[in-house]
Protein backbone atom coordinates (compact mmCIF):
# COMPACT_ATOMS: atom_id res chain seq x y z
CA MET A 1 -60.07 -37.88 34.89
CA LEU A 2 -63.35 -38.72 33.22
CA GLY A 3 -63.09 -37.73 29.58
CA LEU A 4 -59.54 -36.41 29.91
CA THR A 5 -56.67 -38.90 29.95
CA PRO A 6 -53.81 -37.67 32.15
CA LEU A 7 -50.55 -36.96 30.37
CA VAL A 8 -47.47 -38.90 31.46
CA ASP A 9 -43.73 -38.92 30.74
CA SER A 10 -42.63 -38.29 27.14
CA VAL A 11 -45.25 -35.60 26.57
CA THR A 12 -44.11 -33.01 24.04
CA PRO A 13 -43.46 -29.45 25.26
CA VAL A 14 -46.34 -28.10 23.16
CA ASP A 15 -48.79 -30.70 24.44
CA ALA A 16 -47.70 -30.04 28.02
CA LEU A 17 -48.29 -26.30 27.63
CA ARG A 18 -51.65 -26.82 25.97
CA ARG A 19 -52.80 -29.23 28.65
CA ILE A 20 -51.78 -26.83 31.43
CA ALA A 21 -53.82 -24.06 29.78
CA LEU A 22 -56.81 -26.39 29.47
CA LEU A 23 -56.59 -27.50 33.11
CA LEU A 24 -56.30 -23.91 34.30
CA GLU A 25 -59.39 -22.92 32.32
CA ARG A 26 -61.22 -25.95 33.64
CA ALA A 27 -60.33 -24.77 37.16
CA ARG A 28 -61.56 -21.25 36.27
CA ALA A 29 -58.15 -19.58 36.60
CA GLY A 30 -57.57 -16.03 35.39
CA THR A 31 -57.41 -15.41 31.65
CA TYR A 32 -53.94 -13.81 31.79
CA ARG A 33 -52.48 -16.84 33.53
CA VAL A 34 -54.04 -19.22 31.02
CA GLN A 35 -52.95 -17.17 28.04
CA ALA A 36 -49.30 -17.25 29.13
CA PHE A 37 -49.21 -21.01 28.56
CA ARG A 38 -51.22 -20.91 25.35
CA THR A 39 -48.96 -18.18 23.97
CA ALA A 40 -45.90 -20.21 24.92
CA ALA A 41 -47.32 -23.23 23.10
CA ALA A 42 -47.71 -21.16 19.94
CA VAL A 43 -44.15 -19.81 20.26
CA VAL A 44 -42.60 -23.25 20.72
CA SER A 45 -44.72 -24.75 17.96
CA GLY A 46 -43.52 -22.10 15.52
CA MET A 47 -39.84 -22.39 16.45
CA PRO A 48 -37.54 -24.25 14.00
CA ASP A 49 -36.25 -27.52 15.45
CA SER A 50 -32.65 -26.39 15.13
CA GLU A 51 -33.25 -23.19 17.07
CA PHE A 52 -35.21 -25.04 19.74
CA SER A 53 -32.44 -27.59 20.21
CA SER A 54 -29.69 -25.00 20.37
CA ARG A 55 -31.56 -22.80 22.85
CA LEU A 56 -32.46 -25.80 24.99
CA ALA A 57 -28.82 -26.83 25.14
CA ALA A 58 -27.64 -23.29 25.87
CA GLY A 59 -30.37 -22.58 28.41
CA THR A 60 -31.60 -19.52 26.51
CA LEU A 61 -35.23 -20.47 25.87
CA SER A 62 -36.36 -17.84 28.36
CA ASP A 63 -34.84 -15.14 26.14
CA VAL A 64 -37.51 -15.81 23.51
CA PRO A 65 -40.47 -13.38 23.67
CA GLY A 66 -43.52 -15.23 24.95
CA LEU A 67 -41.55 -17.62 27.15
CA GLY A 68 -41.20 -16.80 30.84
CA PRO A 69 -39.67 -18.65 33.77
CA ALA A 70 -42.71 -20.87 34.41
CA THR A 71 -43.33 -21.79 30.78
CA THR A 72 -39.62 -22.32 30.13
CA ALA A 73 -39.45 -24.75 33.03
CA VAL A 74 -42.35 -26.73 31.59
CA VAL A 75 -40.78 -26.80 28.13
CA THR A 76 -37.40 -27.86 29.46
CA GLU A 77 -38.74 -30.68 31.62
CA ALA A 78 -40.91 -32.01 28.80
CA ALA A 79 -38.06 -31.81 26.29
CA GLU A 80 -35.93 -33.89 28.66
CA GLY A 81 -38.59 -36.63 28.72
CA GLU A 82 -40.03 -35.77 32.12
CA LEU A 83 -43.60 -34.99 33.07
CA PRO A 84 -43.37 -31.29 33.99
CA ALA A 85 -43.84 -30.80 37.71
CA TYR A 86 -46.41 -28.03 37.25
CA LEU A 87 -48.48 -30.18 34.93
CA ALA A 88 -48.32 -33.10 37.35
CA SER A 89 -49.46 -30.82 40.18
CA LEU A 90 -52.41 -29.49 38.17
CA GLN A 91 -53.49 -32.98 37.18
CA ASP A 92 -53.47 -33.99 40.83
CA LYS A 93 -55.31 -30.89 42.07
CA HIS A 94 -57.78 -30.27 39.25
CA GLY A 95 -58.09 -33.60 37.46
CA ASP A 96 -61.11 -34.95 39.30
CA PHE A 97 -64.57 -34.95 37.76
CA LEU A 98 -65.99 -31.44 38.14
CA ALA A 99 -69.47 -32.28 39.42
CA PRO A 100 -69.88 -35.57 41.31
CA GLY A 101 -73.26 -37.10 40.63
CA GLY A 102 -73.26 -36.61 36.87
CA GLU A 103 -70.55 -39.10 35.90
CA GLU A 104 -72.80 -41.68 34.23
CA LEU A 105 -74.59 -39.11 32.10
CA TYR A 106 -71.35 -37.36 31.19
CA ALA A 107 -69.95 -40.67 29.99
CA VAL A 108 -72.67 -40.99 27.35
CA LEU A 109 -72.55 -37.41 26.08
CA GLN A 110 -71.31 -37.28 22.52
CA GLY A 111 -71.34 -33.61 21.67
CA ASP A 112 -72.05 -29.98 22.43
CA LEU A 113 -74.43 -27.57 20.72
CA HIS A 114 -73.05 -24.30 22.10
CA SER A 115 -69.39 -23.25 21.74
CA HIS A 116 -67.52 -20.11 20.73
CA SER A 117 -64.21 -19.31 19.06
CA ASP A 118 -62.09 -16.21 18.56
CA TRP A 119 -64.20 -15.39 15.54
CA SER A 120 -66.60 -13.80 18.04
CA ASP A 121 -65.97 -13.50 21.79
CA GLY A 122 -64.15 -16.78 22.42
CA GLY A 123 -60.52 -16.80 23.45
CA SER A 124 -59.13 -19.52 21.15
CA SER A 125 -59.10 -20.53 17.51
CA ILE A 126 -61.60 -22.96 16.04
CA GLN A 127 -58.78 -25.46 15.65
CA GLU A 128 -57.81 -25.21 19.33
CA MET A 129 -61.43 -25.70 20.40
CA VAL A 130 -61.68 -28.80 18.21
CA LEU A 131 -58.43 -30.25 19.57
CA ALA A 132 -59.70 -29.81 23.13
CA ALA A 133 -63.03 -31.43 22.28
CA VAL A 134 -61.20 -34.43 20.84
CA GLU A 135 -58.99 -34.69 23.93
CA LEU A 136 -62.11 -34.63 26.12
CA GLY A 137 -63.59 -37.56 24.22
CA GLN A 138 -66.33 -35.74 22.33
CA ASP A 139 -67.42 -37.10 18.96
CA TRP A 140 -68.79 -33.84 17.62
CA MET A 141 -69.36 -30.19 18.44
CA ALA A 142 -71.35 -27.33 16.97
CA LEU A 143 -69.49 -24.06 16.46
CA THR A 144 -72.01 -21.38 17.46
CA ASP A 145 -70.39 -17.97 17.37
CA HIS A 146 -72.59 -14.93 17.89
CA SER A 147 -74.73 -13.14 15.30
CA PRO A 148 -74.10 -9.55 14.07
CA ARG A 149 -76.28 -7.52 16.44
CA LEU A 150 -74.13 -8.55 19.42
CA LYS A 151 -71.33 -6.14 18.51
CA VAL A 152 -69.69 -6.34 21.93
CA ALA A 153 -69.10 -10.03 21.18
CA ARG A 154 -67.87 -9.38 17.62
CA GLY A 155 -70.93 -11.08 16.20
CA LEU A 156 -70.57 -12.49 12.70
CA SER A 157 -72.05 -10.66 9.75
CA ALA A 158 -73.48 -12.80 6.98
CA ASP A 159 -70.22 -12.48 5.03
CA ARG A 160 -68.05 -13.42 8.00
CA LEU A 161 -70.29 -16.38 8.78
CA ARG A 162 -69.94 -17.59 5.19
CA GLN A 163 -66.15 -17.29 5.52
CA GLN A 164 -66.28 -19.26 8.76
CA LEU A 165 -68.27 -22.04 7.12
CA THR A 166 -65.47 -22.61 4.62
CA VAL A 167 -63.05 -22.99 7.55
CA VAL A 168 -65.41 -25.47 9.23
CA ASP A 169 -65.70 -27.47 6.03
CA GLY A 170 -61.91 -27.56 5.71
CA ILE A 171 -61.50 -28.79 9.29
CA ASN A 172 -64.03 -31.56 8.70
CA GLN A 173 -62.22 -32.67 5.54
CA ALA A 174 -58.95 -32.83 7.46
CA LEU A 175 -60.46 -34.75 10.40
CA GLY A 176 -62.29 -37.35 8.33
CA GLN A 177 -64.24 -39.75 10.55
CA ARG A 178 -62.45 -38.86 13.81
CA PHE A 179 -64.62 -35.88 14.71
CA GLN A 180 -67.37 -33.76 13.19
CA LEU A 181 -67.65 -30.00 13.60
CA LEU A 182 -71.22 -28.91 12.93
CA ARG A 183 -71.99 -25.66 11.15
CA GLY A 184 -73.90 -23.57 13.66
CA ILE A 185 -74.61 -20.21 15.22
CA GLU A 186 -75.90 -18.71 18.44
CA VAL A 187 -78.36 -16.34 16.85
CA ASP A 188 -79.75 -13.41 18.83
CA ILE A 189 -83.49 -13.35 19.40
CA LEU A 190 -84.48 -9.79 18.50
CA ASP A 191 -87.07 -7.74 20.37
CA ASP A 192 -89.94 -8.95 18.19
CA GLY A 193 -88.82 -12.61 18.27
CA SER A 194 -87.22 -12.57 14.83
CA LEU A 195 -83.68 -13.91 14.34
CA ASP A 196 -80.53 -11.86 13.83
CA GLN A 197 -79.28 -13.44 10.61
CA GLU A 198 -80.38 -13.97 7.01
CA PRO A 199 -83.03 -16.74 6.90
CA GLY A 200 -81.45 -18.33 3.85
CA LEU A 201 -78.07 -18.50 5.55
CA LEU A 202 -79.58 -19.99 8.70
CA ALA A 203 -81.11 -22.69 6.51
CA GLU A 204 -77.60 -23.69 5.35
CA LEU A 205 -76.46 -24.46 8.90
CA ASP A 206 -76.58 -27.82 10.63
CA VAL A 207 -77.96 -26.39 13.86
CA VAL A 208 -79.19 -23.07 15.27
CA THR A 209 -79.12 -22.16 18.95
CA ALA A 210 -81.23 -19.05 19.62
CA SER A 211 -80.79 -16.89 22.72
CA VAL A 212 -81.97 -13.59 24.19
CA HIS A 213 -79.08 -11.22 24.92
CA SER A 214 -80.75 -7.80 25.09
CA LYS A 215 -83.58 -6.14 27.02
CA LEU A 216 -83.54 -8.98 29.52
CA ARG A 217 -85.82 -7.01 31.86
CA MET A 218 -88.56 -6.75 29.22
CA PRO A 219 -92.04 -7.09 30.78
CA ARG A 220 -93.21 -10.67 31.24
CA ALA A 221 -95.91 -10.60 28.56
CA ALA A 222 -93.65 -9.03 25.95
CA MET A 223 -90.80 -11.45 26.73
CA THR A 224 -93.18 -14.38 26.44
CA THR A 225 -94.37 -13.18 23.03
CA ARG A 226 -90.77 -12.66 21.94
CA MET A 227 -89.67 -16.15 22.97
CA LEU A 228 -92.75 -17.85 21.53
CA ALA A 229 -92.08 -16.25 18.15
CA ALA A 230 -88.51 -17.50 18.20
CA VAL A 231 -89.24 -21.12 19.12
CA ARG A 232 -91.95 -21.24 16.45
CA ASN A 233 -89.37 -20.33 13.82
CA PRO A 234 -88.60 -23.58 11.94
CA ARG A 235 -84.89 -22.70 11.82
CA VAL A 236 -84.49 -22.70 15.62
CA ASN A 237 -83.31 -25.98 17.18
CA VAL A 238 -82.16 -25.02 20.68
CA LEU A 239 -83.38 -22.34 23.10
CA GLY A 240 -80.19 -21.10 24.75
CA HIS A 241 -79.84 -19.95 28.40
CA ALA A 242 -83.55 -19.27 28.66
CA THR A 243 -83.58 -16.74 31.52
CA GLY A 244 -80.32 -14.92 30.85
CA ARG A 245 -79.49 -14.91 34.53
CA LEU A 246 -76.02 -14.68 36.08
CA VAL A 247 -75.56 -16.16 39.53
CA GLU A 248 -71.82 -15.57 40.07
CA GLY A 249 -68.61 -14.65 38.29
CA SER A 250 -66.60 -11.66 37.15
CA ARG A 251 -69.57 -10.03 35.42
CA GLY A 252 -71.51 -9.93 38.67
CA THR A 253 -75.03 -11.24 39.10
CA ARG A 254 -78.16 -10.62 37.06
CA PRO A 255 -81.77 -11.63 37.83
CA GLN A 256 -83.56 -13.99 35.51
CA SER A 257 -85.91 -12.77 32.82
CA GLU A 258 -89.62 -13.12 33.49
CA PHE A 259 -91.76 -15.06 31.01
CA ASP A 260 -94.54 -17.63 30.95
CA ALA A 261 -92.41 -20.76 31.24
CA GLU A 262 -95.34 -23.16 30.82
CA ALA A 263 -96.31 -21.51 27.52
CA VAL A 264 -92.77 -21.21 26.17
CA PHE A 265 -91.72 -24.75 27.03
CA ALA A 266 -94.98 -26.18 25.71
CA GLU A 267 -94.18 -24.44 22.43
CA CYS A 268 -90.65 -25.84 22.52
CA ALA A 269 -92.06 -29.35 22.89
CA LEU A 270 -94.58 -28.76 20.09
CA ASN A 271 -91.90 -27.48 17.71
CA ASN A 272 -89.21 -30.03 18.62
CA VAL A 273 -86.93 -27.32 20.05
CA ALA A 274 -84.51 -28.48 22.74
CA VAL A 275 -84.18 -26.50 25.95
CA GLU A 276 -80.56 -25.85 26.76
CA ILE A 277 -79.18 -26.80 30.16
CA ASN A 278 -76.41 -24.24 30.15
CA SER A 279 -73.53 -25.70 32.13
CA ARG A 280 -71.53 -22.55 32.80
CA PRO A 281 -71.39 -22.13 36.61
CA GLU A 282 -72.09 -18.41 36.32
CA ARG A 283 -75.29 -19.12 34.41
CA CYS A 284 -76.69 -22.42 35.71
CA ASP A 285 -79.61 -21.68 33.40
CA PRO A 286 -82.50 -22.50 33.43
CA PRO A 287 -83.02 -22.74 37.19
CA ASP A 288 -84.05 -26.14 38.54
CA GLU A 289 -87.71 -25.22 38.82
CA LEU A 290 -87.86 -24.25 35.14
CA ILE A 291 -86.14 -27.46 34.07
CA GLU A 292 -88.89 -29.30 35.93
CA ILE A 293 -91.53 -27.33 34.00
CA ALA A 294 -89.78 -28.20 30.72
CA LEU A 295 -89.66 -31.84 31.78
CA ASP A 296 -93.40 -31.88 32.43
CA ALA A 297 -93.98 -30.21 29.06
CA GLY A 298 -92.21 -33.07 27.29
CA CYS A 299 -89.25 -31.04 26.03
CA LEU A 300 -86.02 -32.28 24.60
CA PHE A 301 -82.87 -30.95 26.28
CA ALA A 302 -79.32 -30.07 25.23
CA ILE A 303 -76.58 -30.17 27.86
CA ASN A 304 -74.20 -27.55 26.51
CA SER A 305 -70.96 -25.98 27.71
CA ASP A 306 -71.37 -22.47 26.23
CA ALA A 307 -67.57 -22.68 26.16
CA HIS A 308 -65.62 -19.55 25.27
CA ALA A 309 -62.29 -21.33 25.84
CA PRO A 310 -61.08 -24.93 25.41
CA GLY A 311 -61.04 -25.86 29.10
CA GLN A 312 -64.62 -24.70 29.51
CA LEU A 313 -65.83 -27.49 27.24
CA ASP A 314 -65.55 -29.84 30.21
CA MET A 315 -68.02 -27.76 32.21
CA LYS A 316 -70.80 -29.89 30.75
CA ALA A 317 -70.17 -31.95 33.89
CA TYR A 318 -72.16 -29.35 35.84
CA GLY A 319 -75.09 -29.70 33.48
CA CYS A 320 -74.89 -33.49 33.77
CA GLU A 321 -75.09 -33.29 37.55
CA ARG A 322 -78.20 -31.11 37.37
CA ALA A 323 -79.89 -33.24 34.72
CA THR A 324 -79.19 -36.40 36.72
CA ARG A 325 -80.43 -34.88 39.97
CA LEU A 326 -83.62 -33.61 38.32
CA GLY A 327 -84.36 -36.89 36.54
CA VAL A 328 -83.99 -35.80 32.91
CA PRO A 329 -84.25 -38.98 30.79
CA VAL A 330 -81.14 -39.70 28.75
CA ASP A 331 -83.14 -40.33 25.58
CA ARG A 332 -84.47 -36.75 25.73
CA ILE A 333 -80.97 -35.23 25.81
CA VAL A 334 -79.95 -34.53 22.23
CA THR A 335 -76.26 -34.11 23.12
CA THR A 336 -76.15 -37.85 23.85
CA TRP A 337 -77.10 -38.52 20.21
CA SER A 338 -74.75 -39.09 17.29
CA ALA A 339 -73.89 -36.19 15.01
CA GLU A 340 -75.90 -37.76 12.20
CA ARG A 341 -79.00 -38.06 14.37
CA VAL A 342 -78.60 -34.49 15.63
CA VAL A 343 -78.34 -33.08 12.11
CA GLU A 344 -81.34 -35.09 10.97
CA TRP A 345 -83.36 -33.84 13.96
CA ALA A 346 -82.24 -30.23 13.47
CA ARG A 347 -83.19 -30.16 9.81
CA SER A 348 -86.43 -32.12 10.12
CA GLY A 349 -88.66 -29.10 10.67
CA ARG A 350 -87.19 -26.81 8.04
């Protein structure tokens, strides 16, 4: 598995459960099924060693709330020093690289400028997202939870964002040189092109990804004006999922927004704003023809996961396949850069 080293015998029960949840998410399994294994990992992790040992010996682990037959079998096999059969099966079935054709580019990716946690509409804690990123071989990641106007996604008010930044700082202190979590946000581009967060607070962040989430069917001229205003804002570093389209998935499909792509991407190039290649299969945004326009305009790019769960972080493979197929030069992909270079680039225009 490129980026994800398979687990073998002697894996701990908690690590086995976490890896199963990650592989299921990576394979786009249902949320309920994934959550069963992540919940079980939390239960086992919080259980005193003495209780765990006594229940394992007595065969009563399944009596514990949060542990069912499937998760108990995984825990028992791992505790006995075996590679759980279910984990082995998932590694065989879903361990291959997700998007053949993008392997070489994926191998040089260092980070991700678009990820979410349970502080907004993500399904896992910041810590769990970081652990998964480390397991996948990333060197850094930007935490970019939503801004306040997106209430359906529990967007962060200024106060909640400030609280989150203290958590991010604490994680970085604990990790030292092993990994860097960048202070970020996915800020909503409002109807007039302004940004949905206090300007002074945005200036404190390492990176800002800006996206349109509302009035996606706005007339072409108005949408163009809106997007131009956003990318001209010196605090914006990445233009997220430019068209807002959905091409598959549980939310159904949605047509792409209409705007003057030549004008918007020319402005991105002029203002050193990277165009996101959103790797989520349901988005696949921008479409190929718009990536080609951005290429011709001289834009930088960011291959991002837009992950809302740990296993989705690996979906950058889809973006790598598209970028490779369309001939995007590696040196114009900011997510292949080091964290230090990314932060320097992101702050250079402020």
